[in-house]
Amino acid sequence: KPTERKERVVREAPLSAREHDDAQSFDYDHDAFLGADEAKSFDQLTPEESKERLGKIVGKIDEDGDGFVTVEELKAWIKFAQKRWIYEDVERQWKGHDLNEDGLVSWEEYKNATYGYIL
């Protein structure tokens, strides 16, 4: 018999670290839709540049090319944007831990990169 009750609801990771409150801002939606890094670059654009770049992105989201974005296409895009961010973050972290740049992370490298300031 199981000794602990397990949650039956699968909870996905949040789409953004930002607070989801559309009354305050759309930062959460920007992170979810574009990915955190891309959302930061959009903050620097003029409204005209932002509109142009979003138009290009919508063309990528509309997988069947019918001129409309379905809920499923939008979900697929958001998952793609989040996975892309995760893979890029893993690559950055790897480079930060592979101190001798040999493509491998030894325990010493990990320990020094993670705890070096303490040791």
C-alpha atoms as a PDB file:
ATOM      1  CA  LYS A   1       0.000   0.000   0.000  1.00  0.00           C
ATOM      2  CA  PRO A   2       1.267   3.480  -0.747  1.00  0.00           C
ATOM      3  CA  THR A   3       2.163   5.344   2.420  1.00  0.00           C
ATOM      4  CA  GLU A   4       1.709   8.818   0.980  1.00  0.00           C
ATOM      5  CA  ARG A   5      -0.944  10.310  -1.200  1.00  0.00           C
ATOM      6  CA  LYS A   6       0.300  11.579  -4.537  1.00  0.00           C
ATOM      7  CA  GLU A   7      -1.097  14.586  -6.325  1.00  0.00           C
ATOM      8  CA  ARG A   8      -3.000  13.576  -9.450  1.00  0.00           C
ATOM      9  CA  VAL A   9      -2.715  16.979 -11.058  1.00  0.00           C
ATOM     10  CA  VAL A  10       0.389  17.481 -13.157  1.00  0.00           C
ATOM     11  CA  ARG A  11       1.612  21.013 -12.668  1.00  0.00           C
ATOM     12  CA  GLU A  12       3.744  22.491 -15.414  1.00  0.00           C
ATOM     13  CA  ALA A  13       6.530  24.922 -14.711  1.00  0.00           C
ATOM     14  CA  PRO A  14       5.400  28.561 -14.721  1.00  0.00           C
ATOM     15  CA  LEU A  15       5.771  30.347 -18.043  1.00  0.00           C
ATOM     16  CA  SER A  16       7.470  33.316 -16.414  1.00  0.00           C
ATOM     17  CA  ALA A  17       9.033  34.349 -13.131  1.00  0.00           C
ATOM     18  CA  ARG A  18       7.008  37.562 -13.303  1.00  0.00           C
ATOM     19  CA  GLU A  19       3.692  38.126 -11.527  1.00  0.00           C
ATOM     20  CA  HIS A  20       0.695  37.404 -13.763  1.00  0.00           C
ATOM     21  CA  ASP A  21      -1.429  40.520 -13.320  1.00  0.00           C
ATOM     22  CA  ASP A  22      -2.699  42.041 -16.566  1.00  0.00           C
ATOM     23  CA  ALA A  23      -4.089  45.026 -14.669  1.00  0.00           C
ATOM     24  CA  GLN A  24      -0.508  46.046 -13.834  1.00  0.00           C
ATOM     25  CA  SER A  25       1.442  45.004 -16.950  1.00  0.00           C
ATOM     26  CA  PHE A  26       1.753  42.383 -19.654  1.00  0.00           C
ATOM     27  CA  ASP A  27       5.294  41.348 -18.683  1.00  0.00           C
ATOM     28  CA  TYR A  28       4.193  37.796 -17.814  1.00  0.00           C
ATOM     29  CA  ASP A  29       2.532  37.394 -21.215  1.00  0.00           C
ATOM     30  CA  HIS A  30       5.571  38.804 -23.011  1.00  0.00           C
ATOM     31  CA  ASP A  31       7.845  36.295 -21.259  1.00  0.00           C
ATOM     32  CA  ALA A  32       5.483  33.388 -21.999  1.00  0.00           C
ATOM     33  CA  PHE A  33       4.921  34.351 -25.632  1.00  0.00           C
ATOM     34  CA  LEU A  34       8.427  35.438 -26.593  1.00  0.00           C
ATOM     35  CA  GLY A  35      10.712  33.812 -24.037  1.00  0.00           C
ATOM     36  CA  ALA A  36      12.461  35.839 -21.338  1.00  0.00           C
ATOM     37  CA  ASP A  37      15.462  36.914 -23.434  1.00  0.00           C
ATOM     38  CA  GLU A  38      13.407  37.894 -26.476  1.00  0.00           C
ATOM     39  CA  ALA A  39      10.931  39.789 -24.254  1.00  0.00           C
ATOM     40  CA  LYS A  40      13.815  41.890 -22.911  1.00  0.00           C
ATOM     41  CA  SER A  41      14.837  42.867 -26.432  1.00  0.00           C
ATOM     42  CA  PHE A  42      11.241  43.884 -27.239  1.00  0.00           C
ATOM     43  CA  ASP A  43      11.292  46.289 -24.281  1.00  0.00           C
ATOM     44  CA  GLN A  44      13.924  48.325 -26.156  1.00  0.00           C
ATOM     45  CA  LEU A  45      11.924  48.645 -29.411  1.00  0.00           C
ATOM     46  CA  THR A  46       9.679  51.450 -30.551  1.00  0.00           C
ATOM     47  CA  PRO A  47       5.988  50.518 -30.904  1.00  0.00           C
ATOM     48  CA  GLU A  48       6.388  50.413 -34.693  1.00  0.00           C
ATOM     49  CA  GLU A  49       9.413  48.090 -34.522  1.00  0.00           C
ATOM     50  CA  SER A  50       7.667  45.916 -31.963  1.00  0.00           C
ATOM     51  CA  LYS A  51       4.572  45.609 -34.169  1.00  0.00           C
ATOM     52  CA  GLU A  52       6.706  44.664 -37.188  1.00  0.00           C
ATOM     53  CA  ARG A  53       8.645  41.986 -35.295  1.00  0.00           C
ATOM     54  CA  LEU A  54       5.491  40.557 -33.725  1.00  0.00           C
ATOM     55  CA  GLY A  55       3.974  40.316 -37.217  1.00  0.00           C
ATOM     56  CA  LYS A  56       6.926  38.173 -38.295  1.00  0.00           C
ATOM     57  CA  ILE A  57       6.562  35.966 -35.218  1.00  0.00           C
ATOM     58  CA  VAL A  58       2.841  35.479 -35.839  1.00  0.00           C
ATOM     59  CA  GLY A  59       3.744  34.176 -39.298  1.00  0.00           C
ATOM     60  CA  LYS A  60       5.879  31.508 -37.603  1.00  0.00           C
ATOM     61  CA  ILE A  61       3.131  30.622 -35.125  1.00  0.00           C
ATOM     62  CA  ASP A  62       0.514  30.147 -37.857  1.00  0.00           C
ATOM     63  CA  GLU A  63       1.766  26.680 -38.787  1.00  0.00           C
ATOM     64  CA  ASP A  64      -0.941  25.920 -41.349  1.00  0.00           C
ATOM     65  CA  GLY A  65      -0.629  29.354 -42.983  1.00  0.00           C
ATOM     66  CA  ASP A  66      -4.342  30.104 -42.927  1.00  0.00           C
ATOM     67  CA  GLY A  67      -3.842  33.614 -41.530  1.00  0.00           C
ATOM     68  CA  PHE A  68      -5.219  32.718 -38.098  1.00  0.00           C
ATOM     69  CA  VAL A  69      -3.550  31.543 -34.909  1.00  0.00           C
ATOM     70  CA  THR A  70      -5.428  28.728 -33.199  1.00  0.00           C
ATOM     71  CA  VAL A  71      -5.218  27.927 -29.507  1.00  0.00           C
ATOM     72  CA  GLU A  72      -3.221  24.794 -30.356  1.00  0.00           C
ATOM     73  CA  GLU A  73      -0.770  26.772 -32.510  1.00  0.00           C
ATOM     74  CA  LEU A  74      -0.346  29.317 -29.718  1.00  0.00           C
ATOM     75  CA  LYS A  75       0.230  26.570 -27.128  1.00  0.00           C
ATOM     76  CA  ALA A  76       2.807  24.937 -29.388  1.00  0.00           C
ATOM     77  CA  TRP A  77       4.580  28.272 -29.861  1.00  0.00           C
ATOM     78  CA  ILE A  78       4.696  29.003 -26.126  1.00  0.00           C
ATOM     79  CA  LYS A  79       6.113  25.524 -25.447  1.00  0.00           C
ATOM     80  CA  PHE A  80       8.694  26.070 -28.187  1.00  0.00           C
ATOM     81  CA  ALA A  81       9.710  29.462 -26.745  1.00  0.00           C
ATOM     82  CA  GLN A  82      10.058  28.031 -23.242  1.00  0.00           C
ATOM     83  CA  LYS A  83      12.078  25.009 -24.378  1.00  0.00           C
ATOM     84  CA  ARG A  84      14.352  27.238 -26.441  1.00  0.00           C
ATOM     85  CA  TRP A  85      15.007  29.376 -23.362  1.00  0.00           C
ATOM     86  CA  ILE A  86      15.732  26.293 -21.239  1.00  0.00           C
ATOM     87  CA  TYR A  87      18.211  24.898 -23.773  1.00  0.00           C
ATOM     88  CA  GLU A  88      19.959  28.263 -24.103  1.00  0.00           C
ATOM     89  CA  ASP A  89      20.137  28.574 -20.321  1.00  0.00           C
ATOM     90  CA  VAL A  90      21.612  25.077 -19.999  1.00  0.00           C
ATOM     91  CA  GLU A  91      24.255  26.018 -22.585  1.00  0.00           C
ATOM     92  CA  ARG A  92      25.127  29.198 -20.629  1.00  0.00           C
ATOM     93  CA  GLN A  93      25.313  27.250 -17.371  1.00  0.00           C
ATOM     94  CA  TRP A  94      27.500  24.574 -18.962  1.00  0.00           C
ATOM     95  CA  LYS A  95      29.962  27.151 -20.236  1.00  0.00           C
ATOM     96  CA  GLY A  96      30.036  28.732 -16.791  1.00  0.00           C
ATOM     97  CA  HIS A  97      30.922  25.423 -15.137  1.00  0.00           C
ATOM     98  CA  ASP A  98      33.333  24.045 -17.757  1.00  0.00           C
ATOM     99  CA  LEU A  99      36.190  26.209 -16.506  1.00  0.00           C
ATOM    100  CA  ASN A 100      38.951  24.587 -18.586  1.00  0.00           C
ATOM    101  CA  GLU A 101      36.692  24.511 -21.697  1.00  0.00           C
ATOM    102  CA  ASP A 102      37.288  20.835 -22.475  1.00  0.00           C
ATOM    103  CA  GLY A 103      33.592  20.066 -23.022  1.00  0.00           C
ATOM    104  CA  LEU A 104      33.336  18.183 -19.727  1.00  0.00           C
ATOM    105  CA  VAL A 105      32.425  19.327 -16.242  1.00  0.00           C
ATOM    106  CA  SER A 106      34.430  17.609 -13.528  1.00  0.00           C
ATOM    107  CA  TRP A 107      33.372  17.623  -9.900  1.00  0.00           C
ATOM    108  CA  GLU A 108      36.190  20.069  -9.146  1.00  0.00           C
ATOM    109  CA  GLU A 109      34.995  22.470 -11.854  1.00  0.00           C
ATOM    110  CA  TYR A 110      31.402  22.208 -10.674  1.00  0.00           C
ATOM    111  CA  LYS A 111      32.402  22.706  -7.059  1.00  0.00           C
ATOM    112  CA  ASN A 112      34.600  25.701  -7.882  1.00  0.00           C
ATOM    113  CA  ALA A 113      32.041  27.334 -10.198  1.00  0.00           C
ATOM    114  CA  THR A 114      29.183  26.755  -7.753  1.00  0.00           C
ATOM    115  CA  TYR A 115      30.817  27.148  -4.358  1.00  0.00           C
ATOM    116  CA  GLY A 116      34.208  28.690  -5.170  1.00  0.00           C
ATOM    117  CA  TYR A 117      33.410  32.015  -3.555  1.00  0.00           C
ATOM    118  CA  ILE A 118      32.650  30.203  -0.291  1.00  0.00           C
ATOM    119  CA  LEU A 119      35.701  27.922  -0.365  1.00  0.00           C
END
